[in-house]
Amino acid sequence: MNKKTYLIDTNILIESKNRYYSFSICPGFWDALILQDSQSTIMSIDKVKDEINRYKYEDDLKAWVNSAIPDSFFKSTENAETIKYYGEIINWVQGNPQFLPEAKAEFIQDECDPWLIAFAKANNCVLITNEVIKKEAKAKVPIPNVCGQFNIECQSPFKMLEELGIQFSLKI
């Protein structure tokens, strides 16, 4: 039985909507997220919802975020443990000579990624992202690189779906 809690990055929702799990092609993906939320297995954070809502156009994803998925899906980052790890993550990135100053500044100014990583650390979540580890990265601070430093499991949405036993079937 799977005891993991999965934390969804914004890019999972955006890529899913735009590509392989669009609302019209694979509504089961979105239904699965709602079901897993009710079981406290899959979640995201308030900053992800904010990031989606900053998009200037209305679309299916923005509508889903604001009306279909329960508010319980987007957890608050305003707690002492998450804030503590946020500070540690920012300090690590700032002090890491591997990354260019522009990459550090971009990561630190990002209104979502550092918080997502901090929440994952504080709550022992598996962070689900489309980003991959890049050991030699300099121009960008990849989420999986930071997760590795803080012993946070990071994986793809496909691995998460497989671990949860979620399958989509053909409807004719």
C-alpha atoms as a PDB file:
ATOM      1  CA  MET A   1       0.000   0.000   0.000  1.00  0.00           C
ATOM      2  CA  ASN A   2       1.350   3.400  -1.009  1.00  0.00           C
ATOM      3  CA  LYS A   3       1.927   5.739   1.952  1.00  0.00           C
ATOM      4  CA  LYS A   4       3.521   8.603   0.016  1.00  0.00           C
ATOM      5  CA  THR A   5       2.103  12.085  -0.271  1.00  0.00           C
ATOM      6  CA  TYR A   6       2.686  13.713  -3.649  1.00  0.00           C
ATOM      7  CA  LEU A   7       3.130  17.469  -4.099  1.00  0.00           C
ATOM      8  CA  ILE A   8       2.328  18.808  -7.580  1.00  0.00           C
ATOM      9  CA  ASP A   9       4.408  21.511  -9.297  1.00  0.00           C
ATOM     10  CA  THR A  10       2.657  24.105 -11.466  1.00  0.00           C
ATOM     11  CA  ASN A  11       4.314  22.707 -14.588  1.00  0.00           C
ATOM     12  CA  ILE A  12       2.496  19.391 -14.089  1.00  0.00           C
ATOM     13  CA  LEU A  13      -0.896  21.078 -14.270  1.00  0.00           C
ATOM     14  CA  ILE A  14       0.033  23.359 -17.177  1.00  0.00           C
ATOM     15  CA  GLU A  15       1.718  20.641 -19.260  1.00  0.00           C
ATOM     16  CA  SER A  16      -1.109  18.216 -18.564  1.00  0.00           C
ATOM     17  CA  LYS A  17      -3.703  20.748 -19.693  1.00  0.00           C
ATOM     18  CA  ASN A  18      -1.733  21.766 -22.783  1.00  0.00           C
ATOM     19  CA  ARG A  19      -0.530  18.356 -23.889  1.00  0.00           C
ATOM     20  CA  TYR A  20      -1.101  14.778 -22.814  1.00  0.00           C
ATOM     21  CA  TYR A  21      -4.012  15.101 -20.333  1.00  0.00           C
ATOM     22  CA  SER A  22      -6.071  17.956 -21.750  1.00  0.00           C
ATOM     23  CA  PHE A  23      -9.517  18.267 -20.221  1.00  0.00           C
ATOM     24  CA  SER A  24     -11.216  17.116 -23.435  1.00  0.00           C
ATOM     25  CA  ILE A  25      -8.931  14.117 -24.056  1.00  0.00           C
ATOM     26  CA  CYS A  26      -8.319  12.743 -20.572  1.00  0.00           C
ATOM     27  CA  PRO A  27     -10.813  13.988 -17.988  1.00  0.00           C
ATOM     28  CA  GLY A  28      -9.849  10.962 -15.893  1.00  0.00           C
ATOM     29  CA  PHE A  29      -6.548  12.626 -14.985  1.00  0.00           C
ATOM     30  CA  TRP A  30      -8.356  15.575 -13.438  1.00  0.00           C
ATOM     31  CA  ASP A  31     -10.894  13.303 -11.740  1.00  0.00           C
ATOM     32  CA  ALA A  32      -7.993  11.290 -10.304  1.00  0.00           C
ATOM     33  CA  LEU A  33      -6.461  14.433  -8.800  1.00  0.00           C
ATOM     34  CA  ILE A  34      -9.763  15.271  -7.108  1.00  0.00           C
ATOM     35  CA  LEU A  35     -10.132  11.704  -5.809  1.00  0.00           C
ATOM     36  CA  GLN A  36      -6.548  11.597  -4.538  1.00  0.00           C
ATOM     37  CA  ASP A  37      -7.049  14.981  -2.846  1.00  0.00           C
ATOM     38  CA  SER A  38      -9.990  13.504  -0.927  1.00  0.00           C
ATOM     39  CA  GLN A  39      -7.607  10.767   0.263  1.00  0.00           C
ATOM     40  CA  SER A  40      -4.850  13.302   1.113  1.00  0.00           C
ATOM     41  CA  THR A  41      -2.497  11.575  -1.312  1.00  0.00           C
ATOM     42  CA  ILE A  42      -1.988  14.305  -3.925  1.00  0.00           C
ATOM     43  CA  MET A  43      -1.875  18.014  -3.172  1.00  0.00           C
ATOM     44  CA  SER A  44      -0.264  21.269  -4.134  1.00  0.00           C
ATOM     45  CA  ILE A  45       0.338  24.613  -2.447  1.00  0.00           C
ATOM     46  CA  ASP A  46      -1.302  28.017  -2.392  1.00  0.00           C
ATOM     47  CA  LYS A  47       1.579  29.495  -4.427  1.00  0.00           C
ATOM     48  CA  VAL A  48       0.773  27.124  -7.336  1.00  0.00           C
ATOM     49  CA  LYS A  49      -2.834  28.297  -7.357  1.00  0.00           C
ATOM     50  CA  ASP A  50      -1.618  31.915  -7.261  1.00  0.00           C
ATOM     51  CA  GLU A  51       0.756  31.261 -10.161  1.00  0.00           C
ATOM     52  CA  ILE A  52      -2.051  29.830 -12.296  1.00  0.00           C
ATOM     53  CA  ASN A  53      -4.361  32.696 -11.382  1.00  0.00           C
ATOM     54  CA  ARG A  54      -1.740  35.266 -12.467  1.00  0.00           C
ATOM     55  CA  TYR A  55      -2.196  34.063 -16.040  1.00  0.00           C
ATOM     56  CA  LYS A  56      -4.095  36.880 -17.750  1.00  0.00           C
ATOM     57  CA  TYR A  57      -6.494  34.725 -19.771  1.00  0.00           C
ATOM     58  CA  GLU A  58      -9.299  32.500 -18.602  1.00  0.00           C
ATOM     59  CA  ASP A  59      -8.824  28.884 -19.632  1.00  0.00           C
ATOM     60  CA  ASP A  60      -9.852  25.388 -18.571  1.00  0.00           C
ATOM     61  CA  LEU A  61      -7.051  25.101 -16.025  1.00  0.00           C
ATOM     62  CA  LYS A  62      -7.839  28.385 -14.317  1.00  0.00           C
ATOM     63  CA  ALA A  63     -11.527  27.435 -14.189  1.00  0.00           C
ATOM     64  CA  TRP A  64     -10.676  23.996 -12.764  1.00  0.00           C
ATOM     65  CA  VAL A  65      -8.369  25.477 -10.121  1.00  0.00           C
ATOM     66  CA  ASN A  66     -11.029  27.951  -9.005  1.00  0.00           C
ATOM     67  CA  SER A  67     -14.150  25.820  -9.149  1.00  0.00           C
ATOM     68  CA  ALA A  68     -13.631  22.073  -9.684  1.00  0.00           C
ATOM     69  CA  ILE A  69     -10.838  21.134  -7.289  1.00  0.00           C
ATOM     70  CA  PRO A  70     -11.595  21.623  -3.586  1.00  0.00           C
ATOM     71  CA  ASP A  71      -9.700  24.362  -1.765  1.00  0.00           C
ATOM     72  CA  SER A  72      -8.177  21.598   0.371  1.00  0.00           C
ATOM     73  CA  PHE A  73      -5.956  20.655  -2.597  1.00  0.00           C
ATOM     74  CA  PHE A  74      -3.901  23.857  -2.237  1.00  0.00           C
ATOM     75  CA  LYS A  75      -2.177  23.786   1.143  1.00  0.00           C
ATOM     76  CA  SER A  76      -1.029  26.938   2.892  1.00  0.00           C
ATOM     77  CA  THR A  77       2.688  27.677   2.993  1.00  0.00           C
ATOM     78  CA  GLU A  78       2.197  30.043   5.914  1.00  0.00           C
ATOM     79  CA  ASN A  79       3.489  27.802   8.681  1.00  0.00           C
ATOM     80  CA  ALA A  80       6.686  27.883  10.730  1.00  0.00           C
ATOM     81  CA  GLU A  81       8.203  24.669   9.368  1.00  0.00           C
ATOM     82  CA  THR A  82       7.750  25.618   5.705  1.00  0.00           C
ATOM     83  CA  ILE A  83       9.062  29.139   6.330  1.00  0.00           C
ATOM     84  CA  LYS A  84      12.117  27.711   8.134  1.00  0.00           C
ATOM     85  CA  TYR A  85      12.971  25.448   5.190  1.00  0.00           C
ATOM     86  CA  TYR A  86      12.277  28.260   2.728  1.00  0.00           C
ATOM     87  CA  GLY A  87      15.043  30.263   4.415  1.00  0.00           C
ATOM     88  CA  GLU A  88      17.441  27.302   4.363  1.00  0.00           C
ATOM     89  CA  ILE A  89      16.758  26.682   0.670  1.00  0.00           C
ATOM     90  CA  ILE A  90      17.274  30.337  -0.269  1.00  0.00           C
ATOM     91  CA  ASN A  91      20.524  30.457   1.741  1.00  0.00           C
ATOM     92  CA  TRP A  92      21.792  27.288   0.076  1.00  0.00           C
ATOM     93  CA  VAL A  93      21.046  28.602  -3.414  1.00  0.00           C
ATOM     94  CA  GLN A  94      22.631  31.993  -2.640  1.00  0.00           C
ATOM     95  CA  GLY A  95      25.768  30.340  -1.311  1.00  0.00           C
ATOM     96  CA  ASN A  96      26.127  27.772  -4.084  1.00  0.00           C
ATOM     97  CA  PRO A  97      28.983  28.755  -6.440  1.00  0.00           C
ATOM     98  CA  GLN A  98      27.688  26.394  -9.156  1.00  0.00           C
ATOM     99  CA  PHE A  99      24.889  28.715 -10.259  1.00  0.00           C
ATOM    100  CA  LEU A 100      25.305  32.021 -12.055  1.00  0.00           C
ATOM    101  CA  PRO A 101      24.146  35.144 -10.185  1.00  0.00           C
ATOM    102  CA  GLU A 102      21.262  35.551 -12.670  1.00  0.00           C
ATOM    103  CA  ALA A 103      20.082  31.976 -12.007  1.00  0.00           C
ATOM    104  CA  LYS A 104      20.209  32.541  -8.256  1.00  0.00           C
ATOM    105  CA  ALA A 105      18.267  35.793  -8.566  1.00  0.00           C
ATOM    106  CA  GLU A 106      15.633  34.164 -10.779  1.00  0.00           C
ATOM    107  CA  PHE A 107      15.176  31.274  -8.344  1.00  0.00           C
ATOM    108  CA  ILE A 108      14.982  33.538  -5.298  1.00  0.00           C
ATOM    109  CA  GLN A 109      12.459  35.842  -7.008  1.00  0.00           C
ATOM    110  CA  ASP A 110      10.341  32.886  -8.124  1.00  0.00           C
ATOM    111  CA  GLU A 111       7.076  33.069  -6.211  1.00  0.00           C
ATOM    112  CA  CYS A 112       6.506  29.332  -6.290  1.00  0.00           C
ATOM    113  CA  ASP A 113       9.477  26.945  -6.678  1.00  0.00           C
ATOM    114  CA  PRO A 114      11.347  27.667  -3.418  1.00  0.00           C
ATOM    115  CA  TRP A 115       8.065  27.457  -1.503  1.00  0.00           C
ATOM    116  CA  LEU A 116       7.151  24.187  -3.191  1.00  0.00           C
ATOM    117  CA  ILE A 117      10.483  22.655  -2.207  1.00  0.00           C
ATOM    118  CA  ALA A 118      10.213  24.015   1.351  1.00  0.00           C
ATOM    119  CA  PHE A 119       6.692  22.617   1.741  1.00  0.00           C
ATOM    120  CA  ALA A 120       7.823  19.226   0.417  1.00  0.00           C
ATOM    121  CA  LYS A 121      10.666  19.163   2.959  1.00  0.00           C
ATOM    122  CA  ALA A 122       8.481  20.313   5.854  1.00  0.00           C
ATOM    123  CA  ASN A 123       5.763  17.765   5.087  1.00  0.00           C
ATOM    124  CA  ASN A 124       7.827  14.831   3.796  1.00  0.00           C
ATOM    125  CA  CYS A 125       6.201  14.949   0.348  1.00  0.00           C
ATOM    126  CA  VAL A 126       7.412  13.547  -2.951  1.00  0.00           C
ATOM    127  CA  LEU A 127       7.731  16.550  -5.256  1.00  0.00           C
ATOM    128  CA  ILE A 128       6.214  15.892  -8.684  1.00  0.00           C
ATOM    129  CA  THR A 129       7.696  17.983 -11.483  1.00  0.00           C
ATOM    130  CA  ASN A 130       8.576  17.762 -15.152  1.00  0.00           C
ATOM    131  CA  GLU A 131      12.002  19.226 -14.387  1.00  0.00           C
ATOM    132  CA  VAL A 132      14.955  16.846 -14.313  1.00  0.00           C
ATOM    133  CA  ILE A 133      18.196  16.979 -12.384  1.00  0.00           C
ATOM    134  CA  LYS A 134      21.011  18.748 -14.214  1.00  0.00           C
ATOM    135  CA  LYS A 135      24.239  18.216 -12.338  1.00  0.00           C
ATOM    136  CA  GLU A 136      26.143  20.775 -14.402  1.00  0.00           C
ATOM    137  CA  ALA A 137      23.407  23.445 -14.460  1.00  0.00           C
ATOM    138  CA  LYS A 138      24.621  27.003 -14.155  1.00  0.00           C
ATOM    139  CA  ALA A 139      22.052  29.233 -15.871  1.00  0.00           C
ATOM    140  CA  LYS A 140      19.030  27.824 -14.001  1.00  0.00           C
ATOM    141  CA  VAL A 141      18.470  26.292 -10.577  1.00  0.00           C
ATOM    142  CA  PRO A 142      16.529  23.089 -11.297  1.00  0.00           C
ATOM    143  CA  ILE A 143      14.026  21.961  -8.672  1.00  0.00           C
ATOM    144  CA  PRO A 144      15.442  18.390  -8.602  1.00  0.00           C
ATOM    145  CA  ASN A 145      18.947  19.722  -7.875  1.00  0.00           C
ATOM    146  CA  VAL A 146      17.670  21.546  -4.795  1.00  0.00           C
ATOM    147  CA  CYS A 147      15.554  18.548  -3.771  1.00  0.00           C
ATOM    148  CA  GLY A 148      18.648  16.338  -3.900  1.00  0.00           C
ATOM    149  CA  GLN A 149      20.508  18.670  -1.573  1.00  0.00           C
ATOM    150  CA  PHE A 150      17.656  18.572   0.957  1.00  0.00           C
ATOM    151  CA  ASN A 151      16.908  14.821   0.660  1.00  0.00           C
ATOM    152  CA  ILE A 152      13.503  15.353  -0.928  1.00  0.00           C
ATOM    153  CA  GLU A 153      12.269  12.682  -3.304  1.00  0.00           C
ATOM    154  CA  CYS A 154      11.477  14.163  -6.703  1.00  0.00           C
ATOM    155  CA  GLN A 155       9.843  12.288  -9.584  1.00  0.00           C
ATOM    156  CA  SER A 156       7.776  12.546 -12.743  1.00  0.00           C
ATOM    157  CA  PRO A 157       3.980  12.517 -12.887  1.00  0.00           C
ATOM    158  CA  PHE A 158       4.115   9.225 -14.781  1.00  0.00           C
ATOM    159  CA  LYS A 159       5.976   7.535 -11.922  1.00  0.00           C
ATOM    160  CA  MET A 160       3.426   8.952  -9.452  1.00  0.00           C
ATOM    161  CA  LEU A 161       0.482   7.638 -11.503  1.00  0.00           C
ATOM    162  CA  GLU A 162       2.155   4.230 -11.730  1.00  0.00           C
ATOM    163  CA  GLU A 163       2.820   4.083  -7.977  1.00  0.00           C
ATOM    164  CA  LEU A 164      -0.782   5.062  -7.227  1.00  0.00           C
ATOM    165  CA  GLY A 165      -2.130   2.493  -9.687  1.00  0.00           C
ATOM    166  CA  ILE A 166      -4.039   5.150 -11.615  1.00  0.00           C
ATOM    167  CA  GLN A 167      -5.073   3.991 -15.090  1.00  0.00           C
ATOM    168  CA  PHE A 168      -7.036   5.691 -17.816  1.00  0.00           C
ATOM    169  CA  SER A 169      -9.301   3.594 -19.997  1.00  0.00           C
ATOM    170  CA  LEU A 170     -10.635   4.067 -23.493  1.00  0.00           C
ATOM    171  CA  LYS A 171     -14.221   5.177 -23.817  1.00  0.00           C
ATOM    172  CA  ILE A 172     -15.868   4.494 -27.161  1.00  0.00           C
END
